[in-house]
Amino acid sequence: MSDTKWTPGPWVLETVKTSVGVCHKVGPFPAKREDDKPRHACLYADYPSDFNPADQALLANARLIAAAPDLYEALQACIDYGSMTGAEWVVEKARASLAKARGE
């Protein structure tokens, strides 16, 4: 993923307790910057509950975000393979998804 402007993968999900809930930390651990400052995002759930669908959705979103670098690479592989085999519908879907990820 050398053509990207985001933190390269692999990313992982780590859930830590806070004073009022949890933080789902997504990114590379340990930090991968030269200055050793964290390069991760936090999705916070204040006063989470196992019965609140929004808290379950937040965790599911964190899992999806953590998978983003792998999904990006898989889509690029679909483009490469689909182009070789003539599966243009796969290629177009993958290209559209990657363009969305790049903000195009």
C-alpha atoms as a PDB file:
ATOM      1  CA  MET A   1       0.000   0.000   0.000  1.00  0.00           C
ATOM      2  CA  SER A   2       2.802   2.419  -0.745  1.00  0.00           C
ATOM      3  CA  ASP A   3       0.478   4.716  -2.730  1.00  0.00           C
ATOM      4  CA  THR A   4      -1.656   5.497   0.332  1.00  0.00           C
ATOM      5  CA  LYS A   5      -1.615   8.407   2.731  1.00  0.00           C
ATOM      6  CA  TRP A   6      -2.813   6.501   5.774  1.00  0.00           C
ATOM      7  CA  THR A   7      -0.890   4.547   8.368  1.00  0.00           C
ATOM      8  CA  PRO A   8       0.206   1.276   6.792  1.00  0.00           C
ATOM      9  CA  GLY A   9      -1.092  -1.991   8.198  1.00  0.00           C
ATOM     10  CA  PRO A  10      -1.409  -4.350   9.738  1.00  0.00           C
ATOM     11  CA  TRP A  11      -3.850  -2.748  12.144  1.00  0.00           C
ATOM     12  CA  VAL A  12      -5.244  -4.387  15.226  1.00  0.00           C
ATOM     13  CA  LEU A  13      -8.071  -3.700  17.624  1.00  0.00           C
ATOM     14  CA  GLU A  14      -7.360  -3.291  21.320  1.00  0.00           C
ATOM     15  CA  THR A  15     -10.168  -2.496  23.765  1.00  0.00           C
ATOM     16  CA  VAL A  16      -9.151  -0.728  26.971  1.00  0.00           C
ATOM     17  CA  LYS A  17     -11.194   0.464  29.920  1.00  0.00           C
ATOM     18  CA  THR A  18     -11.569   4.172  30.580  1.00  0.00           C
ATOM     19  CA  SER A  19     -12.870   5.931  33.654  1.00  0.00           C
ATOM     20  CA  VAL A  20     -16.437   5.907  32.256  1.00  0.00           C
ATOM     21  CA  GLY A  21     -16.469   3.134  29.663  1.00  0.00           C
ATOM     22  CA  VAL A  22     -14.222   1.668  26.993  1.00  0.00           C
ATOM     23  CA  CYS A  23     -12.022   2.827  24.137  1.00  0.00           C
ATOM     24  CA  HIS A  24     -11.675   0.616  21.074  1.00  0.00           C
ATOM     25  CA  LYS A  25      -8.169   1.552  19.861  1.00  0.00           C
ATOM     26  CA  VAL A  26      -7.557   0.797  16.180  1.00  0.00           C
ATOM     27  CA  GLY A  27      -4.163   1.007  14.538  1.00  0.00           C
ATOM     28  CA  PRO A  28      -0.674  -0.353  14.621  1.00  0.00           C
ATOM     29  CA  PHE A  29       0.612  -1.387  18.040  1.00  0.00           C
ATOM     30  CA  PRO A  30       3.176  -0.590  19.139  1.00  0.00           C
ATOM     31  CA  ALA A  31       3.513   2.800  17.486  1.00  0.00           C
ATOM     32  CA  LYS A  32       5.340   2.738  14.144  1.00  0.00           C
ATOM     33  CA  ARG A  33       6.451   6.376  13.944  1.00  0.00           C
ATOM     34  CA  GLU A  34      10.028   7.459  14.467  1.00  0.00           C
ATOM     35  CA  ASP A  35       8.936   9.757  17.306  1.00  0.00           C
ATOM     36  CA  ASP A  36       7.156   6.722  18.880  1.00  0.00           C
ATOM     37  CA  LYS A  37       3.907   8.640  19.331  1.00  0.00           C
ATOM     38  CA  PRO A  38       0.737   6.576  18.958  1.00  0.00           C
ATOM     39  CA  ARG A  39      -0.782   6.214  15.499  1.00  0.00           C
ATOM     40  CA  HIS A  40      -4.214   4.900  16.327  1.00  0.00           C
ATOM     41  CA  ALA A  41      -7.822   5.984  16.433  1.00  0.00           C
ATOM     42  CA  CYS A  42     -10.124   5.588  19.409  1.00  0.00           C
ATOM     43  CA  LEU A  43     -13.830   4.847  19.291  1.00  0.00           C
ATOM     44  CA  TYR A  44     -15.278   5.606  22.713  1.00  0.00           C
ATOM     45  CA  ALA A  45     -18.291   4.064  24.386  1.00  0.00           C
ATOM     46  CA  ASP A  46     -19.298   5.862  27.581  1.00  0.00           C
ATOM     47  CA  TYR A  47     -21.209   3.672  30.021  1.00  0.00           C
ATOM     48  CA  PRO A  48     -21.391   0.732  27.580  1.00  0.00           C
ATOM     49  CA  SER A  49     -23.954  -1.994  27.966  1.00  0.00           C
ATOM     50  CA  ASP A  50     -24.176  -5.480  26.508  1.00  0.00           C
ATOM     51  CA  PHE A  51     -27.842  -4.693  25.851  1.00  0.00           C
ATOM     52  CA  ASN A  52     -27.312  -1.487  23.850  1.00  0.00           C
ATOM     53  CA  PRO A  53     -27.231  -2.197  20.086  1.00  0.00           C
ATOM     54  CA  ALA A  54     -25.268   1.027  19.516  1.00  0.00           C
ATOM     55  CA  ASP A  55     -22.407  -0.284  21.663  1.00  0.00           C
ATOM     56  CA  GLN A  56     -22.334  -3.534  19.700  1.00  0.00           C
ATOM     57  CA  ALA A  57     -22.339  -1.550  16.428  1.00  0.00           C
ATOM     58  CA  LEU A  58     -19.435   0.576  17.688  1.00  0.00           C
ATOM     59  CA  LEU A  59     -17.370  -2.556  18.331  1.00  0.00           C
ATOM     60  CA  ALA A  60     -18.336  -3.961  14.907  1.00  0.00           C
ATOM     61  CA  ASN A  61     -17.263  -0.667  13.291  1.00  0.00           C
ATOM     62  CA  ALA A  62     -13.930  -0.813  15.125  1.00  0.00           C
ATOM     63  CA  ARG A  63     -13.377  -4.349  13.799  1.00  0.00           C
ATOM     64  CA  LEU A  64     -14.137  -3.201  10.252  1.00  0.00           C
ATOM     65  CA  ILE A  65     -11.754  -0.249  10.565  1.00  0.00           C
ATOM     66  CA  ALA A  66      -9.013  -2.552  11.884  1.00  0.00           C
ATOM     67  CA  ALA A  67      -9.479  -4.765   8.809  1.00  0.00           C
ATOM     68  CA  ALA A  68      -9.197  -1.822   6.378  1.00  0.00           C
ATOM     69  CA  PRO A  69      -5.564  -2.349   5.253  1.00  0.00           C
ATOM     70  CA  ASP A  70      -6.221  -6.051   4.625  1.00  0.00           C
ATOM     71  CA  LEU A  71      -9.437  -5.290   2.754  1.00  0.00           C
ATOM     72  CA  TYR A  72      -7.621  -2.707   0.624  1.00  0.00           C
ATOM     73  CA  GLU A  73      -4.958  -5.227  -0.350  1.00  0.00           C
ATOM     74  CA  ALA A  74      -7.590  -7.890  -1.076  1.00  0.00           C
ATOM     75  CA  LEU A  75      -9.462  -5.516  -3.381  1.00  0.00           C
ATOM     76  CA  GLN A  76      -6.243  -4.654  -5.194  1.00  0.00           C
ATOM     77  CA  ALA A  77      -5.638  -8.389  -5.686  1.00  0.00           C
ATOM     78  CA  CYS A  78      -9.191  -8.720  -7.075  1.00  0.00           C
ATOM     79  CA  ILE A  79      -8.406  -6.000  -9.620  1.00  0.00           C
ATOM     80  CA  ASP A  80      -5.161  -7.695 -10.636  1.00  0.00           C
ATOM     81  CA  TYR A  81      -6.718 -11.169 -10.888  1.00  0.00           C
ATOM     82  CA  GLY A  82      -9.987  -9.959 -12.426  1.00  0.00           C
ATOM     83  CA  SER A  83      -8.087  -8.074 -15.110  1.00  0.00           C
ATOM     84  CA  MET A  84      -6.204 -11.250 -16.048  1.00  0.00           C
ATOM     85  CA  THR A  85      -9.316 -13.442 -16.151  1.00  0.00           C
ATOM     86  CA  GLY A  86     -11.760 -11.007 -17.728  1.00  0.00           C
ATOM     87  CA  ALA A  87     -13.979 -10.688 -14.637  1.00  0.00           C
ATOM     88  CA  GLU A  88     -14.698  -7.018 -15.282  1.00  0.00           C
ATOM     89  CA  TRP A  89     -17.597  -6.807 -12.820  1.00  0.00           C
ATOM     90  CA  VAL A  90     -15.163  -7.721 -10.008  1.00  0.00           C
ATOM     91  CA  VAL A  91     -12.635  -5.235 -11.286  1.00  0.00           C
ATOM     92  CA  GLU A  92     -15.139  -2.369 -11.475  1.00  0.00           C
ATOM     93  CA  LYS A  93     -16.580  -3.059  -8.017  1.00  0.00           C
ATOM     94  CA  ALA A  94     -13.097  -3.259  -6.499  1.00  0.00           C
ATOM     95  CA  ARG A  95     -11.977  -0.067  -8.268  1.00  0.00           C
ATOM     96  CA  ALA A  96     -15.028   1.823  -7.009  1.00  0.00           C
ATOM     97  CA  SER A  97     -14.411   0.633  -3.455  1.00  0.00           C
ATOM     98  CA  LEU A  98     -10.754   1.612  -3.548  1.00  0.00           C
ATOM     99  CA  ALA A  99     -11.612   5.018  -4.987  1.00  0.00           C
ATOM    100  CA  LYS A 100     -14.012   5.572  -2.090  1.00  0.00           C
ATOM    101  CA  ALA A 101     -11.283   4.559   0.381  1.00  0.00           C
ATOM    102  CA  ARG A 102      -8.909   7.063  -1.242  1.00  0.00           C
ATOM    103  CA  GLY A 103     -11.521   9.834  -1.117  1.00  0.00           C
ATOM    104  CA  GLU A 104     -11.839  10.066  -4.900  1.00  0.00           C
END
